């Protein structure tokens, strides 16, 4: 029943938001719903850590360690964004940037978006997982166009066109996977699309069909993850969407897309051996890192910089899946964890800066740490964390992934991996140092002291404090039951469980 309640809660919140007109109650409903989602997600994680697998609705919903792990990440990002959204949209409303109708649109569509993200890892059927992934696009496209500007509609159009093409290819891959399994399961089998059924007989699939299926799936779900060359929707969507929506896309949904790739990779590896899918994953992953690096170095817009950072991290996760082995699987899981709990802080800091300075361009913003001390300080900390600087958690995951590359005999991929990561670090450090440490600037002649400026961000800082607490504490200590869940998830990705 816990799995059902987890999905019903955001869906019910979305429906209730259609009839509520009070801003205060819209805020409260989202806060209550996502707090409940996080509590249920953590309970599912604890149950799966103990029982290995839980299911509901006659197997339609199923949670193993990998599913529960992704659900926990989505729930955490959702509750952090719900807290941040309160202050963020209140400031937009006071500035006259948004209307009441736009606010209701956000609070009505966001729970629906979260519902579809939660359904992706909980659906045992590969077909239902595809439907849920397509649902995320439909639920979020109106959030990308939220501000009703020409650039917003352009970003939304690009998002839905490229995303729809990608997800169509994923559908072809899913159908061909079923075709490759029919020779083993028979045409009359029940639950023939369920991953839990397919994984046990994947070694007997038709190999030619499975090769084609994995290529389609990788390109399809890779489009949703933002892998190169299917990444071009990301910079526009991340720049134009409201900050809470961009954070959900960049720290929550990216894990759902990588999750889909990981599930099919297990089937492909069991059918074809790890070499075929591994080479493709390493190729797409390393290419994404290398393409993201120069764009970050030359970028002028800090919202778009976060998009290229997500492309970089999606490449790192997918490359880890390709390197394989215990180190690669554990590195991928750890990278998903640390990226998911750290990246929202980057979006939140960027949102604060953009609202105060009225721009998202680096060259127009200076002295953030003097004007907004808490935002500037956390921005610098988040920059170091998200670029994998020790002692933050992403350094640990990247080191494990690099070790996996060397252990798997990919020295050139390891070298390119290091070069890309170092270039990304340099780009971020230069941009953030100039923006944070330059001479103080004020907007519209406002000369209020920094302390009074900071008070306008109370709700935002509540969300930022939550993310900072998790990002720093998990870098130094993973609770025993949670680490057990991560090991089980890594075992599923590695095909040993």
Protein backbone atom coordinates (compact mmCIF):
# COMPACT_ATOMS: atom_id res chain seq x y z
CA UNK A 1 0.00 0.00 0.00
CA UNK A 2 2.93 2.35 0.58
CA UNK A 3 3.74 2.37 -3.15
CA UNK A 4 0.14 3.26 -3.99
CA UNK A 5 -0.02 6.03 -1.38
CA UNK A 6 3.25 7.46 -2.70
CA UNK A 7 1.70 7.92 -6.15
CA UNK A 8 -1.77 8.96 -4.99
CA UNK A 9 -0.49 11.78 -2.79
CA UNK A 10 1.02 14.05 -5.50
CA UNK A 11 -1.77 13.15 -7.94
CA UNK A 12 -4.40 14.17 -5.39
CA UNK A 13 -2.49 17.40 -4.65
CA UNK A 14 -2.46 18.24 -8.36
CA UNK A 15 -6.22 17.73 -8.66
CA UNK A 16 -6.95 19.79 -5.54
CA UNK A 17 -4.84 22.66 -6.87
CA UNK A 18 -7.28 22.95 -9.78
CA UNK A 19 -10.04 24.19 -7.45
CA UNK A 20 -8.00 26.14 -4.87
CA UNK A 21 -7.64 29.87 -5.48
CA UNK A 22 -5.79 30.95 -2.34
CA UNK A 23 -2.02 31.34 -2.82
CA UNK A 24 -1.41 30.41 0.82
CA UNK A 25 -3.34 27.16 0.50
CA UNK A 26 -1.62 26.29 -2.77
CA UNK A 27 1.71 26.69 -1.00
CA UNK A 28 0.58 24.67 2.02
CA UNK A 29 -0.85 21.87 -0.10
CA UNK A 30 2.39 21.46 -2.04
CA UNK A 31 4.48 21.56 1.13
CA UNK A 32 2.28 18.97 2.85
CA UNK A 33 2.08 16.70 -0.20
CA UNK A 34 5.82 16.67 -0.90
CA UNK A 35 6.70 16.27 2.78
CA UNK A 36 4.44 13.23 2.81
CA UNK A 37 6.05 11.96 -0.40
CA UNK A 38 9.51 12.24 1.17
CA UNK A 39 8.40 10.41 4.32
CA UNK A 40 6.84 7.59 2.26
CA UNK A 41 9.89 7.43 -0.01
CA UNK A 42 12.24 7.02 2.93
CA UNK A 43 9.95 4.33 4.36
CA UNK A 44 10.07 2.49 1.03
CA UNK A 45 13.85 2.76 1.10
CA UNK A 46 14.00 1.25 4.57
CA UNK A 47 11.57 -1.55 3.64
CA UNK A 48 13.50 -2.42 0.48
CA UNK A 49 16.81 -2.31 2.32
CA UNK A 50 15.38 -4.99 4.61
CA UNK A 51 13.13 -7.04 2.29
CA UNK A 52 14.95 -6.51 -1.06
CA UNK A 53 11.70 -6.11 -3.07
CA UNK A 54 8.19 -4.82 -2.38
CA UNK A 55 5.31 -4.72 -4.86
CA UNK A 56 1.68 -3.68 -5.22
CA UNK A 57 -1.25 -3.96 -7.64
CA UNK A 58 -0.42 -7.53 -8.65
CA UNK A 59 3.13 -6.63 -9.62
CA UNK A 60 2.29 -3.54 -11.67
CA UNK A 61 4.21 -1.48 -9.12
CA UNK A 62 7.50 -2.86 -7.89
CA UNK A 63 10.36 -1.38 -5.91
CA UNK A 64 13.79 -2.95 -5.63
CA UNK A 65 16.85 -1.15 -4.30
CA UNK A 66 17.48 0.80 -7.50
CA UNK A 67 13.85 1.90 -7.74
CA UNK A 68 13.72 2.94 -4.08
CA UNK A 69 16.97 4.85 -4.41
CA UNK A 70 15.71 6.92 -7.37
CA UNK A 71 12.37 7.49 -5.61
CA UNK A 72 14.19 8.87 -2.55
CA UNK A 73 16.22 11.27 -4.71
CA UNK A 74 13.13 12.54 -6.56
CA UNK A 75 11.25 13.01 -3.28
CA UNK A 76 14.11 14.93 -1.69
CA UNK A 77 14.46 17.30 -4.65
CA UNK A 78 10.67 17.79 -4.76
CA UNK A 79 10.37 18.79 -1.10
CA UNK A 80 13.37 21.14 -1.32
CA UNK A 81 11.88 22.81 -4.42
CA UNK A 82 8.47 23.15 -2.75
CA UNK A 83 10.05 25.10 0.11
CA UNK A 84 12.10 27.27 -2.22
CA UNK A 85 9.11 27.96 -4.48
CA UNK A 86 7.19 29.73 -1.70
CA UNK A 87 9.63 32.61 -1.39
CA UNK A 88 10.65 32.56 -5.05
CA UNK A 89 7.14 33.08 -6.41
CA UNK A 90 6.18 35.55 -3.69
CA UNK A 91 9.04 37.76 -4.88
CA UNK A 92 7.97 37.30 -8.51
CA UNK A 93 4.39 38.19 -7.58
CA UNK A 94 5.46 41.34 -5.73
CA UNK A 95 7.55 42.34 -8.74
CA UNK A 96 4.53 41.89 -11.02
CA UNK A 97 6.29 39.21 -13.05
CA UNK A 98 3.57 36.58 -12.67
CA UNK A 99 -0.21 36.46 -12.24
CA UNK A 100 -2.44 34.37 -10.02
CA UNK A 101 -3.33 32.13 -12.96
CA UNK A 102 0.34 31.40 -13.61
CA UNK A 103 0.86 30.60 -9.94
CA UNK A 104 -2.02 28.11 -9.98
CA UNK A 105 -0.56 26.56 -13.12
CA UNK A 106 2.75 25.98 -11.37
CA UNK A 107 1.22 24.52 -8.20
CA UNK A 108 -1.15 22.33 -10.21
CA UNK A 109 1.37 20.95 -12.71
CA UNK A 110 4.35 20.42 -10.38
CA UNK A 111 2.72 17.61 -8.33
CA UNK A 112 1.69 15.98 -11.63
CA UNK A 113 5.29 16.25 -12.83
CA UNK A 114 6.52 14.65 -9.60
CA UNK A 115 3.88 11.90 -9.91
CA UNK A 116 5.18 10.93 -13.35
CA UNK A 117 8.80 11.01 -12.12
CA UNK A 118 7.90 8.66 -9.25
CA UNK A 119 6.06 6.30 -11.57
CA UNK A 120 9.15 5.85 -13.79
CA UNK A 121 11.17 3.83 -11.22
CA UNK A 122 8.13 2.16 -9.63
CA UNK A 123 6.72 0.69 -12.86
CA UNK A 124 7.93 -2.88 -13.34
CA UNK A 125 6.64 -2.91 -16.92
CA UNK A 126 9.03 -1.34 -19.41
CA UNK A 127 5.98 -0.13 -21.32
CA UNK A 128 4.50 1.67 -18.31
CA UNK A 129 7.93 3.12 -17.57
CA UNK A 130 7.98 4.54 -21.11
CA UNK A 131 4.47 6.01 -20.65
CA UNK A 132 5.56 7.64 -17.38
CA UNK A 133 8.66 9.09 -19.05
CA UNK A 134 6.52 10.58 -21.81
CA UNK A 135 4.21 11.88 -19.10
CA UNK A 136 7.05 13.86 -17.55
CA UNK A 137 7.41 15.80 -20.81
CA UNK A 138 3.72 16.58 -21.05
CA UNK A 139 3.52 17.61 -17.40
CA UNK A 140 6.57 19.86 -17.49
CA UNK A 141 6.41 21.58 -20.89
CA UNK A 142 3.91 24.19 -19.63
CA UNK A 143 6.23 24.81 -16.71
CA UNK A 144 9.09 25.53 -19.11
CA UNK A 145 6.85 28.11 -20.86
CA UNK A 146 5.69 29.45 -17.48
CA UNK A 147 6.70 33.11 -17.98
CA UNK A 148 4.86 33.42 -21.31
CA UNK A 149 7.76 35.13 -23.05
CA UNK A 150 8.79 34.57 -26.67
CA UNK A 151 12.00 32.93 -25.50
CA UNK A 152 10.01 30.73 -23.09
CA UNK A 153 7.76 29.45 -25.88
CA UNK A 154 10.79 28.83 -28.07
CA UNK A 155 12.40 26.81 -25.26
CA UNK A 156 9.17 24.88 -24.65
CA UNK A 157 8.78 24.12 -28.37
CA UNK A 158 12.35 22.85 -28.60
CA UNK A 159 11.89 20.84 -25.40
CA UNK A 160 8.75 19.03 -26.54
CA UNK A 161 9.88 18.44 -30.15
CA UNK A 162 13.32 17.04 -29.31
CA UNK A 163 11.97 15.19 -26.27
CA UNK A 164 9.13 13.64 -28.28
CA UNK A 165 11.47 12.46 -31.01
CA UNK A 166 13.76 10.95 -28.40
CA UNK A 167 11.00 9.23 -26.48
CA UNK A 168 9.60 7.85 -29.76
CA UNK A 169 12.93 6.16 -30.36
CA UNK A 170 12.78 4.80 -26.81
CA UNK A 171 9.35 3.35 -27.66
CA UNK A 172 10.80 1.59 -30.71
CA UNK A 173 13.57 0.22 -28.50
CA UNK A 174 11.06 -1.02 -25.94
CA UNK A 175 8.97 -2.76 -28.60
CA UNK A 176 12.03 -4.39 -30.18
CA UNK A 177 13.16 -5.56 -26.73
CA UNK A 178 9.80 -7.28 -26.32
CA UNK A 179 10.18 -8.77 -29.80
CA UNK A 180 13.60 -10.15 -28.89
CA UNK A 181 12.08 -11.74 -25.77
CA UNK A 182 9.05 -13.30 -27.46
CA UNK A 183 11.15 -16.22 -28.71
CA UNK A 184 11.83 -17.09 -25.07
CA UNK A 185 8.65 -16.08 -23.24
CA UNK A 186 6.08 -16.99 -25.88
CA UNK A 187 3.31 -14.73 -27.14
CA UNK A 188 0.75 -15.63 -24.47
CA UNK A 189 2.88 -14.96 -21.43
CA UNK A 190 1.62 -12.65 -18.70
CA UNK A 191 3.81 -9.79 -17.51
CA UNK A 192 5.99 -10.25 -20.60
CA UNK A 193 7.07 -6.60 -20.48
CA UNK A 194 8.02 -6.68 -16.81
CA UNK A 195 11.70 -6.09 -16.16
CA UNK A 196 11.68 -8.56 -13.25
CA UNK A 197 10.52 -11.28 -15.67
CA UNK A 198 12.82 -10.31 -18.53
CA UNK A 199 16.04 -10.07 -16.56
CA UNK A 200 15.97 -13.76 -15.65
CA UNK A 201 15.85 -14.92 -19.28
CA UNK A 202 17.68 -12.03 -20.99
CA UNK A 203 20.62 -14.28 -21.88
CA UNK A 204 18.32 -16.15 -24.29
CA UNK A 205 17.00 -13.09 -26.16
CA UNK A 206 17.47 -12.70 -29.89
CA UNK A 207 20.85 -11.00 -30.12
CA UNK A 208 20.38 -9.09 -33.37
CA UNK A 209 17.12 -7.58 -32.16
CA UNK A 210 18.59 -6.70 -28.79
CA UNK A 211 21.49 -4.80 -30.38
CA UNK A 212 19.06 -2.63 -32.33
CA UNK A 213 16.79 -2.23 -29.30
CA UNK A 214 19.59 -0.97 -27.06
CA UNK A 215 20.73 1.60 -29.64
CA UNK A 216 17.19 3.00 -29.85
CA UNK A 217 16.77 3.00 -26.08
CA UNK A 218 20.11 4.69 -25.45
CA UNK A 219 19.36 7.48 -27.93
CA UNK A 220 15.77 7.80 -26.66
CA UNK A 221 16.37 7.92 -22.92
CA UNK A 222 19.68 9.66 -23.57
CA UNK A 223 17.70 12.53 -25.09
CA UNK A 224 15.79 12.88 -21.82
CA UNK A 225 19.03 12.73 -19.84
CA UNK A 226 20.64 15.34 -22.10
CA UNK A 227 23.43 13.27 -23.58
CA UNK A 228 25.33 14.69 -26.55
CA UNK A 229 24.24 15.17 -29.34
CA UNK A 230 20.60 15.07 -28.07
CA UNK A 231 21.24 17.77 -25.48
CA UNK A 232 20.26 20.95 -27.30
CA UNK A 233 16.93 21.40 -25.47
CA UNK A 234 18.57 21.67 -22.07
CA UNK A 235 20.22 25.13 -22.06
CA UNK A 236 17.04 26.86 -23.26
CA UNK A 237 14.73 24.95 -20.92
CA UNK A 238 16.93 25.50 -17.87
CA UNK A 239 17.26 29.21 -18.63
CA UNK A 240 13.57 29.90 -19.25
CA UNK A 241 11.85 27.65 -16.69
CA UNK A 242 11.21 28.89 -13.14
CA UNK A 243 14.09 27.97 -10.87
CA UNK A 244 12.16 25.27 -8.91
CA UNK A 245 11.17 23.59 -12.20
CA UNK A 246 14.73 23.79 -13.54
CA UNK A 247 15.97 22.20 -10.31
CA UNK A 248 13.44 19.36 -10.66
CA UNK A 249 14.62 18.78 -14.23
CA UNK A 250 18.32 19.06 -13.42
CA UNK A 251 18.48 17.18 -10.12
CA UNK A 252 15.39 14.97 -10.14
CA UNK A 253 14.37 13.90 -13.61
CA UNK A 254 17.91 13.33 -14.85
CA UNK A 255 18.08 10.34 -12.48
CA UNK A 256 14.88 8.90 -13.98
CA UNK A 257 16.36 9.06 -17.48
CA UNK A 258 19.64 7.43 -16.39
CA UNK A 259 17.55 4.85 -14.50
CA UNK A 260 15.84 3.84 -17.76
CA UNK A 261 19.20 3.45 -19.51
CA UNK A 262 20.54 1.38 -16.60
CA UNK A 263 17.57 -1.03 -16.70
CA UNK A 264 17.99 -1.74 -20.41
CA UNK A 265 21.77 -1.93 -20.03
CA UNK A 266 21.35 -4.88 -17.64
CA UNK A 267 19.21 -6.71 -20.21
CA UNK A 268 21.64 -5.92 -23.04
CA UNK A 269 24.68 -7.00 -21.01
CA UNK A 270 23.06 -10.33 -20.10
CA UNK A 271 22.08 -10.96 -23.73
CA UNK A 272 25.11 -9.64 -25.61
CA UNK A 273 27.83 -9.41 -22.99
CA UNK A 274 29.02 -6.12 -21.49
CA UNK A 275 31.25 -5.05 -24.41
CA UNK A 276 28.57 -3.90 -26.87
CA UNK A 277 26.51 -1.71 -24.54
CA UNK A 278 29.60 -0.69 -22.56
CA UNK A 279 31.35 0.83 -25.59
CA UNK A 280 28.24 2.77 -26.56
CA UNK A 281 27.73 4.08 -23.03
CA UNK A 282 31.37 5.11 -22.64
CA UNK A 283 31.29 6.81 -26.05
CA UNK A 284 28.16 8.84 -25.36
CA UNK A 285 29.22 9.57 -21.78
CA UNK A 286 32.73 10.82 -22.53
CA UNK A 287 31.47 12.80 -25.55
CA UNK A 288 28.95 14.56 -23.30
CA UNK A 289 31.69 15.52 -20.83
CA UNK A 290 33.97 16.84 -23.57
CA UNK A 291 31.24 18.84 -25.32
CA UNK A 292 29.98 20.38 -22.08
CA UNK A 293 33.44 21.59 -21.00
CA UNK A 294 34.11 24.26 -23.70
CA UNK A 295 30.55 25.56 -23.47
CA UNK A 296 31.01 26.06 -19.73
CA UNK A 297 34.34 27.81 -20.30
CA UNK A 298 32.81 30.22 -22.84
CA UNK A 299 29.39 30.64 -21.22
CA UNK A 300 27.99 34.08 -20.37
CA UNK A 301 24.71 33.01 -18.71
CA UNK A 302 24.86 31.25 -15.35
CA UNK A 303 21.46 29.54 -15.80
CA UNK A 304 22.70 27.98 -19.05
CA UNK A 305 25.96 27.04 -17.33
CA UNK A 306 23.93 24.83 -14.98
CA UNK A 307 22.42 23.11 -18.02
CA UNK A 308 25.86 22.25 -19.42
CA UNK A 309 26.86 21.09 -15.94
CA UNK A 310 23.91 18.66 -16.01
CA UNK A 311 25.01 17.45 -19.46
CA UNK A 312 28.48 16.86 -18.00
CA UNK A 313 27.13 14.92 -15.03
CA UNK A 314 24.75 12.88 -17.17
CA UNK A 315 27.80 11.90 -19.22
CA UNK A 316 29.69 10.92 -16.08
CA UNK A 317 26.83 8.69 -14.88
CA UNK A 318 26.41 7.00 -18.26
CA UNK A 319 30.17 6.53 -18.67
CA UNK A 320 30.22 4.84 -15.24
CA UNK A 321 27.55 2.40 -16.45
CA UNK A 322 29.72 1.69 -19.49
CA UNK A 323 32.91 1.09 -17.51
CA UNK A 324 31.00 -1.52 -15.55
CA UNK A 325 32.28 -3.77 -12.80
CA UNK A 326 31.63 -3.22 -9.11
CA UNK A 327 33.47 0.11 -9.13
CA UNK A 328 31.56 1.43 -12.13
CA UNK A 329 28.17 0.42 -10.74
CA UNK A 330 28.89 1.82 -7.28
CA UNK A 331 30.39 4.97 -8.81
CA UNK A 332 27.25 5.52 -10.90
CA UNK A 333 24.97 5.13 -7.88
CA UNK A 334 27.08 7.39 -5.69
CA UNK A 335 27.26 10.02 -8.43
CA UNK A 336 23.48 10.00 -8.80
CA UNK A 337 23.19 10.45 -5.03
CA UNK A 338 25.70 13.27 -4.57
CA UNK A 339 24.62 15.10 -7.71
CA UNK A 340 20.95 14.83 -6.71
CA UNK A 341 21.48 16.28 -3.22
CA UNK A 342 23.97 18.97 -4.31
CA UNK A 343 22.69 20.36 -7.62
CA UNK A 344 19.50 21.98 -6.22
CA UNK A 345 21.69 24.32 -4.18
CA UNK A 346 23.27 25.64 -7.40
CA UNK A 347 19.85 26.35 -8.88
CA UNK A 348 18.59 28.00 -5.70
CA UNK A 349 21.63 30.29 -5.44
CA UNK A 350 21.29 31.18 -9.13
CA UNK A 351 17.61 32.00 -8.56
CA UNK A 352 18.42 34.33 -5.68
CA UNK A 353 21.07 36.14 -7.73
CA UNK A 354 18.81 36.47 -10.77
CA UNK A 355 15.91 37.84 -8.73
CA UNK A 356 18.08 40.40 -6.94
CA UNK A 357 20.19 41.59 -9.87
CA UNK A 358 17.47 41.17 -12.49
CA UNK A 359 19.73 39.26 -14.88
CA UNK A 360 21.28 35.85 -15.44
CA UNK A 361 24.40 37.10 -17.25
CA UNK A 362 27.78 36.77 -15.56
CA UNK A 363 29.15 40.09 -16.81
CA UNK A 364 26.25 42.04 -15.28
CA UNK A 365 26.67 40.57 -11.80
CA UNK A 366 29.52 41.35 -9.39
CA UNK A 367 30.03 41.27 -5.64
CA UNK A 368 27.35 38.71 -4.80
CA UNK A 369 29.14 37.65 -1.62
CA UNK A 370 29.10 41.28 -0.42
CA UNK A 371 25.54 42.09 -1.48
CA UNK A 372 24.00 38.72 -0.55
CA UNK A 373 26.54 37.12 1.80
CA UNK A 374 24.67 33.87 2.46
CA UNK A 375 23.80 33.35 -1.20
CA UNK A 376 27.33 34.18 -2.35
CA UNK A 377 28.97 31.94 0.24
CA UNK A 378 26.70 29.00 -0.51
CA UNK A 379 27.13 29.58 -4.24
CA UNK A 380 30.89 29.20 -3.91
CA UNK A 381 30.50 26.12 -1.70
CA UNK A 382 28.02 24.54 -4.11
CA UNK A 383 30.36 25.28 -7.02
CA UNK A 384 33.19 23.42 -5.30
CA UNK A 385 30.86 20.55 -4.41
CA UNK A 386 29.28 20.13 -7.85
CA UNK A 387 32.66 20.21 -9.63
CA UNK A 388 33.94 17.32 -7.52
CA UNK A 389 36.34 19.16 -5.24
CA UNK A 390 37.39 17.19 -2.15
CA UNK A 391 36.10 16.54 0.44
CA UNK A 392 32.64 16.73 -1.14
CA UNK A 393 30.88 13.56 -2.21
CA UNK A 394 31.16 14.04 -5.97
CA UNK A 395 34.94 13.76 -5.65
CA UNK A 396 34.47 10.29 -4.17
CA UNK A 397 32.12 9.14 -6.92
CA UNK A 398 34.29 10.57 -9.71
CA UNK A 399 37.37 8.90 -8.23
CA UNK A 400 35.55 5.55 -8.17
CA UNK A 401 34.42 6.01 -11.77
CA UNK A 402 37.97 6.88 -12.84
CA UNK A 403 39.21 3.76 -11.03
CA UNK A 404 36.55 1.74 -12.85
CA UNK A 405 37.76 3.08 -16.20
CA UNK A 406 41.35 2.05 -15.47
CA UNK A 407 40.28 -1.33 -14.10
CA UNK A 408 38.22 -1.98 -17.24
CA UNK A 409 41.17 -1.19 -19.51
CA UNK A 410 40.00 2.18 -20.85
CA UNK A 411 43.08 4.41 -20.38
CA UNK A 412 42.16 6.84 -23.16
CA UNK A 413 38.62 7.19 -21.85
CA UNK A 414 40.08 7.79 -18.38
CA UNK A 415 42.39 10.49 -19.76
CA UNK A 416 39.55 12.24 -21.60
CA UNK A 417 37.38 11.90 -18.49
CA UNK A 418 40.01 13.69 -16.40
CA UNK A 419 40.56 16.38 -19.05
CA UNK A 420 36.85 17.12 -19.28
CA UNK A 421 36.29 17.22 -15.53
CA UNK A 422 39.29 19.54 -15.01
CA UNK A 423 38.09 21.88 -17.78
CA UNK A 424 34.61 22.04 -16.24
CA UNK A 425 36.14 22.81 -12.83
CA UNK A 426 38.26 25.61 -14.32
CA UNK A 427 35.29 27.14 -16.14
CA UNK A 428 33.09 27.14 -13.06
CA UNK A 429 35.83 28.50 -10.83
CA UNK A 430 36.61 31.45 -13.14
CA UNK A 431 32.96 32.40 -13.66
CA UNK A 432 31.89 32.05 -10.03
CA UNK A 433 34.95 33.80 -8.66
CA UNK A 434 34.33 36.86 -10.84
CA UNK A 435 30.62 36.94 -10.06
CA UNK A 436 30.98 36.44 -6.31
CA UNK A 437 34.20 38.26 -5.49
CA UNK A 438 34.03 41.34 -7.73
CA UNK A 439 33.19 44.85 -6.56
CA UNK A 440 29.73 45.32 -5.07
CA UNK A 441 26.87 46.28 -7.39
CA UNK A 442 23.30 47.31 -6.66
CA UNK A 443 20.21 47.19 -8.79
CA UNK A 444 18.10 50.26 -9.54
CA UNK A 445 20.11 52.37 -7.13
CA UNK A 446 19.06 50.25 -4.16
CA UNK A 447 21.45 50.85 -1.29
CA UNK A 448 19.86 48.75 1.43
CA UNK A 449 22.31 46.98 3.76
CA UNK A 450 23.10 43.35 3.04
CA UNK A 451 21.33 42.18 6.19
CA UNK A 452 17.99 43.66 5.07
CA UNK A 453 18.42 42.27 1.57
CA UNK A 454 18.90 38.78 2.95
CA UNK A 455 15.61 38.85 4.89
CA UNK A 456 13.67 38.71 1.64
CA UNK A 457 14.99 35.22 0.98
CA UNK A 458 13.83 33.46 4.18
CA UNK A 459 11.90 30.68 2.46
CA UNK A 460 14.65 30.26 -0.12
CA UNK A 461 17.26 29.97 2.61
CA UNK A 462 15.18 27.34 4.37
CA UNK A 463 15.37 25.18 1.25
CA UNK A 464 19.05 25.98 0.79
CA UNK A 465 19.80 25.03 4.40
CA UNK A 466 18.05 21.67 3.91
CA UNK A 467 20.04 20.90 0.76
CA UNK A 468 23.32 22.08 2.32
CA UNK A 469 22.77 19.85 5.35
CA UNK A 470 22.21 16.75 3.23
CA UNK A 471 24.97 17.56 0.71
CA UNK A 472 27.64 18.07 3.39
CA UNK A 473 26.60 15.36 5.85
CA UNK A 474 26.27 12.63 3.21
CA UNK A 475 29.73 13.53 1.91
CA UNK A 476 31.20 12.40 5.22
CA UNK A 477 28.75 9.80 6.49
CA UNK A 478 26.23 7.46 4.88
CA UNK A 479 23.85 5.80 7.39
CA UNK A 480 24.17 2.01 7.47
CA UNK A 481 20.70 1.14 6.09
CA UNK A 482 21.06 3.74 3.33
CA UNK A 483 24.51 2.50 2.32
CA UNK A 484 23.08 -1.02 2.24
CA UNK A 485 20.42 0.27 -0.16
CA UNK A 486 23.12 1.85 -2.35
CA UNK A 487 25.11 -1.40 -2.46
CA UNK A 488 22.00 -3.32 -3.47
CA UNK A 489 21.25 -0.74 -6.17
CA UNK A 490 24.82 -1.02 -7.46
CA UNK A 491 24.42 -4.79 -7.53
CA UNK A 492 21.30 -4.45 -9.72
CA UNK A 493 23.09 -2.09 -12.11
CA UNK A 494 26.08 -4.44 -12.23
CA UNK A 495 23.80 -7.41 -12.95
CA UNK A 496 24.80 -9.34 -9.83
CA UNK A 497 21.42 -9.10 -8.09
